[in-house]
Amino acid sequence: MSAETGTDTCPRVSRRFRLQWEEAQNAWVLLYPEGMVKLNQSAGEIMRRCDGSRTVSAIVADLEQAFGASGLADDVAKFLELARGQQWIEG
């Protein structure tokens, strides 16, 4: 896990994008002036928790509780690194 995706960071959706549920797509999407990114279910669940007030640890704990799972920290960290690389998140 890089320093930028440490468990104490509070990621938020980048100001370049707007996250919303898109009924027609039956999925969470990231909207931006040039288009749209359709997120899979896991990505949507992570992104909707990236509100700038929750730490990565809190996001992981919330996901594990919501889905009755454990050991999600590595998968969440990998997705957040990808999302940061795509400039979907900041913070």
PDB file of N, CA and C in Angstrom:
ATOM      1  N   MET A   1       0.846  -1.170   0.000  1.00  0.00           N
ATOM      2  CA  MET A   1       0.000   0.000   0.000  1.00  0.00           C
ATOM      3  C   MET A   1       0.892   1.234   0.000  1.00  0.00           C
ATOM      4  N   SER A   2       0.689   2.133  -0.918  1.00  0.00           N
ATOM      5  CA  SER A   2       1.506   3.331  -0.984  1.00  0.00           C
ATOM      6  C   SER A   2       1.095   4.307   0.104  1.00  0.00           C
ATOM      7  N   ALA A   3       1.947   5.294   0.345  1.00  0.00           N
ATOM      8  CA  ALA A   3       1.645   6.295   1.361  1.00  0.00           C
ATOM      9  C   ALA A   3       0.355   7.032   1.029  1.00  0.00           C
ATOM     10  N   GLU A   4       0.090   7.225  -0.265  1.00  0.00           N
ATOM     11  CA  GLU A   4      -1.107   7.956  -0.668  1.00  0.00           C
ATOM     12  C   GLU A   4      -2.384   7.188  -0.388  1.00  0.00           C
ATOM     13  N   THR A   5      -2.314   5.867  -0.296  1.00  0.00           N
ATOM     14  CA  THR A   5      -3.506   5.079  -0.011  1.00  0.00           C
ATOM     15  C   THR A   5      -3.397   4.458   1.371  1.00  0.00           C
ATOM     16  N   GLY A   6      -2.684   5.123   2.281  1.00  0.00           N
ATOM     17  CA  GLY A   6      -2.575   4.648   3.654  1.00  0.00           C
ATOM     18  C   GLY A   6      -3.943   4.562   4.298  1.00  0.00           C
ATOM     19  N   THR A   7      -4.017   3.770   5.347  1.00  0.00           N
ATOM     20  CA  THR A   7      -5.307   3.525   5.982  1.00  0.00           C
ATOM     21  C   THR A   7      -5.860   4.740   6.711  1.00  0.00           C
ATOM     22  N   ASP A   8      -5.029   5.779   6.917  1.00  0.00           N
ATOM     23  CA  ASP A   8      -5.518   6.968   7.616  1.00  0.00           C
ATOM     24  C   ASP A   8      -5.905   8.099   6.668  1.00  0.00           C
ATOM     25  N   THR A   9      -5.787   7.890   5.351  1.00  0.00           N
ATOM     26  CA  THR A   9      -6.215   8.914   4.392  1.00  0.00           C
ATOM     27  C   THR A   9      -7.731   8.883   4.263  1.00  0.00           C
ATOM     28  N   CYS A  10      -8.300   9.997   3.851  1.00  0.00           N
ATOM     29  CA  CYS A  10      -9.750  10.111   3.662  1.00  0.00           C
ATOM     30  C   CYS A  10     -10.041  10.455   2.204  1.00  0.00           C
ATOM     31  N   PRO A  11     -10.100   9.436   1.351  1.00  0.00           N
ATOM     32  CA  PRO A  11     -10.318   9.704  -0.076  1.00  0.00           C
ATOM     33  C   PRO A  11     -11.708  10.257  -0.344  1.00  0.00           C
ATOM     34  N   ARG A  12     -11.812  11.061  -1.391  1.00  0.00           N
ATOM     35  CA  ARG A  12     -13.107  11.592  -1.839  1.00  0.00           C
ATOM     36  C   ARG A  12     -13.117  11.576  -3.365  1.00  0.00           C
ATOM     37  N   VAL A  13     -14.317  11.551  -3.914  1.00  0.00           N
ATOM     38  CA  VAL A  13     -14.447  11.589  -5.367  1.00  0.00           C
ATOM     39  C   VAL A  13     -13.867  12.908  -5.860  1.00  0.00           C
ATOM     40  N   SER A  14     -13.069  12.831  -6.893  1.00  0.00           N
ATOM     41  CA  SER A  14     -12.438  14.007  -7.472  1.00  0.00           C
ATOM     42  C   SER A  14     -13.480  15.029  -7.916  1.00  0.00           C
ATOM     43  N   ARG A  15     -13.120  16.277  -7.822  1.00  0.00           N
ATOM     44  CA  ARG A  15     -14.022  17.346  -8.264  1.00  0.00           C
ATOM     45  C   ARG A  15     -14.276  17.281  -9.777  1.00  0.00           C
ATOM     46  N   ARG A  16     -13.465  16.548 -10.486  1.00  0.00           N
ATOM     47  CA  ARG A  16     -13.642  16.403 -11.944  1.00  0.00           C
ATOM     48  C   ARG A  16     -14.789  15.476 -12.300  1.00  0.00           C
ATOM     49  N   PHE A  17     -15.257  14.709 -11.309  1.00  0.00           N
ATOM     50  CA  PHE A  17     -16.275  13.688 -11.548  1.00  0.00           C
ATOM     51  C   PHE A  17     -17.463  13.876 -10.620  1.00  0.00           C
ATOM     52  N   ARG A  18     -18.585  13.308 -11.038  1.00  0.00           N
ATOM     53  CA  ARG A  18     -19.754  13.240 -10.163  1.00  0.00           C
ATOM     54  C   ARG A  18     -20.181  11.781 -10.104  1.00  0.00           C
ATOM     55  N   LEU A  19     -20.266  11.261  -8.896  1.00  0.00           N
ATOM     56  CA  LEU A  19     -20.704   9.882  -8.698  1.00  0.00           C
ATOM     57  C   LEU A  19     -22.216   9.876  -8.522  1.00  0.00           C
ATOM     58  N   GLN A  20     -22.892   9.027  -9.285  1.00  0.00           N
ATOM     59  CA  GLN A  20     -24.333   8.906  -9.109  1.00  0.00           C
ATOM     60  C   GLN A  20     -24.808   7.527  -9.537  1.00  0.00           C
ATOM     61  N   TRP A  21     -25.954   7.138  -8.971  1.00  0.00           N
ATOM     62  CA  TRP A  21     -26.605   5.899  -9.381  1.00  0.00           C
ATOM     63  C   TRP A  21     -27.318   6.175 -10.702  1.00  0.00           C
ATOM     64  N   GLU A  22     -27.082   5.360 -11.673  1.00  0.00           N
ATOM     65  CA  GLU A  22     -27.694   5.521 -12.993  1.00  0.00           C
ATOM     66  C   GLU A  22     -28.652   4.357 -13.204  1.00  0.00           C
ATOM     67  N   GLU A  23     -29.930   4.643 -13.065  1.00  0.00           N
ATOM     68  CA  GLU A  23     -30.956   3.611 -13.160  1.00  0.00           C
ATOM     69  C   GLU A  23     -30.893   2.887 -14.507  1.00  0.00           C
ATOM     70  N   ALA A  24     -30.692   3.621 -15.586  1.00  0.00           N
ATOM     71  CA  ALA A  24     -30.650   3.015 -16.920  1.00  0.00           C
ATOM     72  C   ALA A  24     -29.502   2.014 -17.045  1.00  0.00           C
ATOM     73  N   GLN A  25     -28.412   2.270 -16.338  1.00  0.00           N
ATOM     74  CA  GLN A  25     -27.254   1.373 -16.368  1.00  0.00           C
ATOM     75  C   GLN A  25     -27.337   0.318 -15.259  1.00  0.00           C
ATOM     76  N   ASN A  26     -28.238   0.544 -14.301  1.00  0.00           N
ATOM     77  CA  ASN A  26     -28.350  -0.302 -13.109  1.00  0.00           C
ATOM     78  C   ASN A  26     -26.994  -0.413 -12.412  1.00  0.00           C
ATOM     79  N   ALA A  27     -26.324   0.749 -12.305  1.00  0.00           N
ATOM     80  CA  ALA A  27     -24.973   0.758 -11.749  1.00  0.00           C
ATOM     81  C   ALA A  27     -24.611   2.173 -11.289  1.00  0.00           C
ATOM     82  N   TRP A  28     -23.594   2.237 -10.413  1.00  0.00           N
ATOM     83  CA  TRP A  28     -22.984   3.517 -10.070  1.00  0.00           C
ATOM     84  C   TRP A  28     -22.115   3.932 -11.241  1.00  0.00           C
ATOM     85  N   VAL A  29     -22.130   5.223 -11.550  1.00  0.00           N
ATOM     86  CA  VAL A  29     -21.319   5.753 -12.636  1.00  0.00           C
ATOM     87  C   VAL A  29     -20.594   7.006 -12.167  1.00  0.00           C
ATOM     88  N   LEU A  30     -19.488   7.278 -12.816  1.00  0.00           N
ATOM     89  CA  LEU A  30     -18.766   8.531 -12.636  1.00  0.00           C
ATOM     90  C   LEU A  30     -19.003   9.356 -13.888  1.00  0.00           C
ATOM     91  N   LEU A  31     -19.607  10.508 -13.707  1.00  0.00           N
ATOM     92  CA  LEU A  31     -19.868  11.392 -14.835  1.00  0.00           C
ATOM     93  C   LEU A  31     -18.795  12.461 -14.902  1.00  0.00           C
ATOM     94  N   TYR A  32     -18.398  12.814 -16.113  1.00  0.00           N
ATOM     95  CA  TYR A  32     -17.447  13.897 -16.341  1.00  0.00           C
ATOM     96  C   TYR A  32     -17.818  14.534 -17.673  1.00  0.00           C
ATOM     97  N   PRO A  33     -17.296  15.735 -17.950  1.00  0.00           N
ATOM     98  CA  PRO A  33     -17.759  16.454 -19.144  1.00  0.00           C
ATOM     99  C   PRO A  33     -17.679  15.660 -20.441  1.00  0.00           C
ATOM    100  N   GLU A  34     -16.686  14.807 -20.585  1.00  0.00           N
ATOM    101  CA  GLU A  34     -16.509  14.077 -21.838  1.00  0.00           C
ATOM    102  C   GLU A  34     -17.236  12.747 -21.892  1.00  0.00           C
ATOM    103  N   GLY A  35     -17.841  12.332 -20.782  1.00  0.00           N
ATOM    104  CA  GLY A  35     -18.497  11.037 -20.818  1.00  0.00           C
ATOM    105  C   GLY A  35     -18.837  10.469 -19.467  1.00  0.00           C
ATOM    106  N   MET A  36     -18.751   9.150 -19.381  1.00  0.00           N
ATOM    107  CA  MET A  36     -19.191   8.423 -18.201  1.00  0.00           C
ATOM    108  C   MET A  36     -18.355   7.164 -18.034  1.00  0.00           C
ATOM    109  N   VAL A  37     -18.083   6.816 -16.777  1.00  0.00           N
ATOM    110  CA  VAL A  37     -17.427   5.557 -16.449  1.00  0.00           C
ATOM    111  C   VAL A  37     -18.435   4.726 -15.665  1.00  0.00           C
ATOM    112  N   LYS A  38     -18.796   3.570 -16.197  1.00  0.00           N
ATOM    113  CA  LYS A  38     -19.697   2.655 -15.486  1.00  0.00           C
ATOM    114  C   LYS A  38     -18.857   1.796 -14.551  1.00  0.00           C
ATOM    115  N   LEU A  39     -19.216   1.804 -13.274  1.00  0.00           N
ATOM    116  CA  LEU A  39     -18.472   1.042 -12.273  1.00  0.00           C
ATOM    117  C   LEU A  39     -19.140  -0.305 -12.016  1.00  0.00           C
ATOM    118  N   ASN A  40     -18.309  -1.317 -11.752  1.00  0.00           N
ATOM    119  CA  ASN A  40     -18.899  -2.586 -11.342  1.00  0.00           C
ATOM    120  C   ASN A  40     -19.391  -2.444  -9.902  1.00  0.00           C
ATOM    121  N   GLN A  41     -20.082  -3.446  -9.388  1.00  0.00           N
ATOM    122  CA  GLN A  41     -20.703  -3.340  -8.069  1.00  0.00           C
ATOM    123  C   GLN A  41     -19.680  -3.042  -6.975  1.00  0.00           C
ATOM    124  N   SER A  42     -18.559  -3.753  -6.968  1.00  0.00           N
ATOM    125  CA  SER A  42     -17.544  -3.544  -5.936  1.00  0.00           C
ATOM    126  C   SER A  42     -16.976  -2.132  -5.993  1.00  0.00           C
ATOM    127  N   ALA A  43     -16.649  -1.676  -7.198  1.00  0.00           N
ATOM    128  CA  ALA A  43     -16.097  -0.332  -7.358  1.00  0.00           C
ATOM    129  C   ALA A  43     -17.102   0.721  -6.916  1.00  0.00           C
ATOM    130  N   GLY A  44     -18.358   0.528  -7.270  1.00  0.00           N
ATOM    131  CA  GLY A  44     -19.399   1.473  -6.869  1.00  0.00           C
ATOM    132  C   GLY A  44     -19.550   1.545  -5.365  1.00  0.00           C
ATOM    133  N   GLU A  45     -19.496   0.393  -4.699  1.00  0.00           N
ATOM    134  CA  GLU A  45     -19.632   0.367  -3.237  1.00  0.00           C
ATOM    135  C   GLU A  45     -18.454   1.075  -2.562  1.00  0.00           C
ATOM    136  N   ILE A  46     -17.261   0.898  -3.107  1.00  0.00           N
ATOM    137  CA  ILE A  46     -16.092   1.589  -2.547  1.00  0.00           C
ATOM    138  C   ILE A  46     -16.202   3.088  -2.819  1.00  0.00           C
ATOM    139  N   MET A  47     -16.478   3.452  -4.063  1.00  0.00           N
ATOM    140  CA  MET A  47     -16.513   4.868  -4.435  1.00  0.00           C
ATOM    141  C   MET A  47     -17.576   5.648  -3.674  1.00  0.00           C
ATOM    142  N   ARG A  48     -18.734   5.052  -3.435  1.00  0.00           N
ATOM    143  CA  ARG A  48     -19.772   5.803  -2.747  1.00  0.00           C
ATOM    144  C   ARG A  48     -19.431   6.062  -1.282  1.00  0.00           C
ATOM    145  N   ARG A  49     -18.443   5.361  -0.773  1.00  0.00           N
ATOM    146  CA  ARG A  49     -17.972   5.597   0.590  1.00  0.00           C
ATOM    147  C   ARG A  49     -16.808   6.590   0.632  1.00  0.00           C
ATOM    148  N   CYS A  50     -16.305   6.976  -0.522  1.00  0.00           N
ATOM    149  CA  CYS A  50     -15.200   7.942  -0.605  1.00  0.00           C
ATOM    150  C   CYS A  50     -15.778   9.353  -0.547  1.00  0.00           C
ATOM    151  N   ASP A  51     -16.127   9.774   0.665  1.00  0.00           N
ATOM    152  CA  ASP A  51     -16.799  11.056   0.851  1.00  0.00           C
ATOM    153  C   ASP A  51     -15.904  12.121   1.480  1.00  0.00           C
ATOM    154  N   GLY A  52     -14.625  11.794   1.678  1.00  0.00           N
ATOM    155  CA  GLY A  52     -13.697  12.755   2.257  1.00  0.00           C
ATOM    156  C   GLY A  52     -13.729  12.813   3.766  1.00  0.00           C
ATOM    157  N   SER A  53     -14.651  12.107   4.386  1.00  0.00           N
ATOM    158  CA  SER A  53     -14.720  12.107   5.846  1.00  0.00           C
ATOM    159  C   SER A  53     -14.336  10.764   6.455  1.00  0.00           C
ATOM    160  N   ARG A  54     -14.330   9.711   5.660  1.00  0.00           N
ATOM    161  CA  ARG A  54     -13.991   8.368   6.162  1.00  0.00           C
ATOM    162  C   ARG A  54     -12.566   8.002   5.772  1.00  0.00           C
ATOM    163  N   THR A  55     -11.859   7.407   6.708  1.00  0.00           N
ATOM    164  CA  THR A  55     -10.526   6.896   6.400  1.00  0.00           C
ATOM    165  C   THR A  55     -10.676   5.614   5.590  1.00  0.00           C
ATOM    166  N   VAL A  56      -9.588   5.204   4.977  1.00  0.00           N
ATOM    167  CA  VAL A  56      -9.598   3.936   4.242  1.00  0.00           C
ATOM    168  C   VAL A  56      -9.959   2.798   5.207  1.00  0.00           C
ATOM    169  N   SER A  57      -9.430   2.830   6.406  1.00  0.00           N
ATOM    170  CA  SER A  57      -9.762   1.795   7.405  1.00  0.00           C
ATOM    171  C   SER A  57     -11.260   1.759   7.680  1.00  0.00           C
ATOM    172  N   ALA A  58     -11.875   2.936   7.803  1.00  0.00           N
ATOM    173  CA  ALA A  58     -13.317   3.000   8.063  1.00  0.00           C
ATOM    174  C   ALA A  58     -14.111   2.484   6.861  1.00  0.00           C
ATOM    175  N   ILE A  59     -13.646   2.795   5.662  1.00  0.00           N
ATOM    176  CA  ILE A  59     -14.309   2.291   4.451  1.00  0.00           C
ATOM    177  C   ILE A  59     -14.255   0.771   4.425  1.00  0.00           C
ATOM    178  N   VAL A  60     -13.091   0.209   4.707  1.00  0.00           N
ATOM    179  CA  VAL A  60     -12.931  -1.250   4.730  1.00  0.00           C
ATOM    180  C   VAL A  60     -13.851  -1.856   5.781  1.00  0.00           C
ATOM    181  N   ALA A  61     -13.853  -1.294   6.984  1.00  0.00           N
ATOM    182  CA  ALA A  61     -14.690  -1.828   8.065  1.00  0.00           C
ATOM    183  C   ALA A  61     -16.167  -1.768   7.682  1.00  0.00           C
ATOM    184  N   ASP A  62     -16.597  -0.676   7.065  1.00  0.00           N
ATOM    185  CA  ASP A  62     -17.991  -0.535   6.653  1.00  0.00           C
ATOM    186  C   ASP A  62     -18.348  -1.572   5.593  1.00  0.00           C
ATOM    187  N   LEU A  63     -17.472  -1.764   4.617  1.00  0.00           N
ATOM    188  CA  LEU A  63     -17.717  -2.761   3.574  1.00  0.00           C
ATOM    189  C   LEU A  63     -17.775  -4.166   4.162  1.00  0.00           C
ATOM    190  N   GLU A  64     -16.844  -4.478   5.050  1.00  0.00           N
ATOM    191  CA  GLU A  64     -16.828  -5.818   5.654  1.00  0.00           C
ATOM    192  C   GLU A  64     -18.094  -6.069   6.458  1.00  0.00           C
ATOM    193  N   GLN A  65     -18.570  -5.047   7.154  1.00  0.00           N
ATOM    194  CA  GLN A  65     -19.803  -5.199   7.918  1.00  0.00           C
ATOM    195  C   GLN A  65     -21.007  -5.312   6.990  1.00  0.00           C
ATOM    196  N   ALA A  66     -21.078  -4.453   5.976  1.00  0.00           N
ATOM    197  CA  ALA A  66     -22.223  -4.434   5.065  1.00  0.00           C
ATOM    198  C   ALA A  66     -22.380  -5.742   4.302  1.00  0.00           C
ATOM    199  N   PHE A  67     -21.254  -6.382   3.972  1.00  0.00           N
ATOM    200  CA  PHE A  67     -21.317  -7.580   3.139  1.00  0.00           C
ATOM    201  C   PHE A  67     -20.935  -8.855   3.872  1.00  0.00           C
ATOM    202  N   GLY A  68     -20.774  -8.761   5.188  1.00  0.00           N
ATOM    203  CA  GLY A  68     -20.462  -9.953   5.972  1.00  0.00           C
ATOM    204  C   GLY A  68     -19.183 -10.627   5.518  1.00  0.00           C
ATOM    205  N   ALA A  69     -18.200  -9.818   5.166  1.00  0.00           N
ATOM    206  CA  ALA A  69     -16.931 -10.335   4.651  1.00  0.00           C
ATOM    207  C   ALA A  69     -15.795  -9.893   5.560  1.00  0.00           C
ATOM    208  N   SER A  70     -14.630 -10.490   5.338  1.00  0.00           N
ATOM    209  CA  SER A  70     -13.427 -10.048   6.048  1.00  0.00           C
ATOM    210  C   SER A  70     -12.264 -10.115   5.067  1.00  0.00           C
ATOM    211  N   GLY A  71     -11.184  -9.418   5.425  1.00  0.00           N
ATOM    212  CA  GLY A  71      -9.997  -9.457   4.582  1.00  0.00           C
ATOM    213  C   GLY A  71     -10.098  -8.642   3.305  1.00  0.00           C
ATOM    214  N   LEU A  72     -10.886  -7.578   3.323  1.00  0.00           N
ATOM    215  CA  LEU A  72     -11.067  -6.775   2.112  1.00  0.00           C
ATOM    216  C   LEU A  72     -10.027  -5.659   1.955  1.00  0.00           C
ATOM    217  N   ALA A  73      -9.189  -5.446   2.959  1.00  0.00           N
ATOM    218  CA  ALA A  73      -8.266  -4.306   2.951  1.00  0.00           C
ATOM    219  C   ALA A  73      -7.380  -4.266   1.707  1.00  0.00           C
ATOM    220  N   ASP A  74      -6.806  -5.392   1.313  1.00  0.00           N
ATOM    221  CA  ASP A  74      -5.913  -5.400   0.145  1.00  0.00           C
ATOM    222  C   ASP A  74      -6.663  -5.070  -1.137  1.00  0.00           C
ATOM    223  N   ASP A  75      -7.857  -5.643  -1.306  1.00  0.00           N
ATOM    224  CA  ASP A  75      -8.643  -5.370  -2.514  1.00  0.00           C
ATOM    225  C   ASP A  75      -9.058  -3.903  -2.579  1.00  0.00           C
ATOM    226  N   VAL A  76      -9.460  -3.351  -1.438  1.00  0.00           N
ATOM    227  CA  VAL A  76      -9.855  -1.940  -1.398  1.00  0.00           C
ATOM    228  C   VAL A  76      -8.651  -1.063  -1.716  1.00  0.00           C
ATOM    229  N   ALA A  77      -7.507  -1.372  -1.119  1.00  0.00           N
ATOM    230  CA  ALA A  77      -6.289  -0.577  -1.363  1.00  0.00           C
ATOM    231  C   ALA A  77      -5.899  -0.624  -2.839  1.00  0.00           C
ATOM    232  N   LYS A  78      -5.993  -1.794  -3.454  1.00  0.00           N
ATOM    233  CA  LYS A  78      -5.654  -1.912  -4.881  1.00  0.00           C
ATOM    234  C   LYS A  78      -6.605  -1.094  -5.736  1.00  0.00           C
ATOM    235  N   PHE A  79      -7.897  -1.150  -5.416  1.00  0.00           N
ATOM    236  CA  PHE A  79      -8.851  -0.366  -6.185  1.00  0.00           C
ATOM    237  C   PHE A  79      -8.588   1.127  -6.004  1.00  0.00           C
ATOM    238  N   LEU A  80      -8.318   1.558  -4.772  1.00  0.00           N
ATOM    239  CA  LEU A  80      -8.073   2.984  -4.528  1.00  0.00           C
ATOM    240  C   LEU A  80      -6.823   3.464  -5.263  1.00  0.00           C
ATOM    241  N   GLU A  81      -5.814   2.617  -5.368  1.00  0.00           N
ATOM    242  CA  GLU A  81      -4.619   2.989  -6.148  1.00  0.00           C
ATOM    243  C   GLU A  81      -4.992   3.162  -7.625  1.00  0.00           C
ATOM    244  N   LEU A  82      -5.796   2.250  -8.150  1.00  0.00           N
ATOM    245  CA  LEU A  82      -6.272   2.366  -9.528  1.00  0.00           C
ATOM    246  C   LEU A  82      -7.097   3.640  -9.693  1.00  0.00           C
ATOM    247  N   ALA A  83      -8.021   3.879  -8.765  1.00  0.00           N
ATOM    248  CA  ALA A  83      -8.886   5.059  -8.841  1.00  0.00           C
ATOM    249  C   ALA A  83      -8.069   6.345  -8.765  1.00  0.00           C
ATOM    250  N   ARG A  84      -7.053   6.344  -7.931  1.00  0.00           N
ATOM    251  CA  ARG A  84      -6.190   7.525  -7.838  1.00  0.00           C
ATOM    252  C   ARG A  84      -5.426   7.720  -9.151  1.00  0.00           C
ATOM    253  N   GLY A  85      -4.952   6.639  -9.737  1.00  0.00           N
ATOM    254  CA  GLY A  85      -4.244   6.709 -11.018  1.00  0.00           C
ATOM    255  C   GLY A  85      -5.140   7.231 -12.134  1.00  0.00           C
ATOM    256  N   GLN A  86      -6.414   6.926 -12.071  1.00  0.00           N
ATOM    257  CA  GLN A  86      -7.384   7.411 -13.063  1.00  0.00           C
ATOM    258  C   GLN A  86      -7.908   8.812 -12.711  1.00  0.00           C
ATOM    259  N   GLN A  87      -7.464   9.322 -11.585  1.00  0.00           N
ATOM    260  CA  GLN A  87      -7.866  10.639 -11.065  1.00  0.00           C
ATOM    261  C   GLN A  87      -9.349  10.673 -10.686  1.00  0.00           C
ATOM    262  N   TRP A  88      -9.905   9.504 -10.312  1.00  0.00           N
ATOM    263  CA  TRP A  88     -11.280   9.441  -9.857  1.00  0.00           C
ATOM    264  C   TRP A  88     -11.408   9.935  -8.421  1.00  0.00           C
ATOM    265  N   ILE A  89     -10.320   9.785  -7.629  1.00  0.00           N
ATOM    266  CA  ILE A  89     -10.353  10.201  -6.228  1.00  0.00           C
ATOM    267  C   ILE A  89      -9.187  11.121  -5.929  1.00  0.00           C
ATOM    268  N   GLU A  90      -9.335  11.868  -4.860  1.00  0.00           N
ATOM    269  CA  GLU A  90      -8.272  12.709  -4.331  1.00  0.00           C
ATOM    270  C   GLU A  90      -8.313  12.576  -2.814  1.00  0.00           C
ATOM    271  N   GLY A  91      -7.240  13.010  -2.194  1.00  0.00           N
ATOM    272  CA  GLY A  91      -7.181  12.945  -0.737  1.00  0.00           C
ATOM    273  C   GLY A  91      -6.609  11.658  -0.243  1.00  0.00           C
TER     274      GLY A  91
END
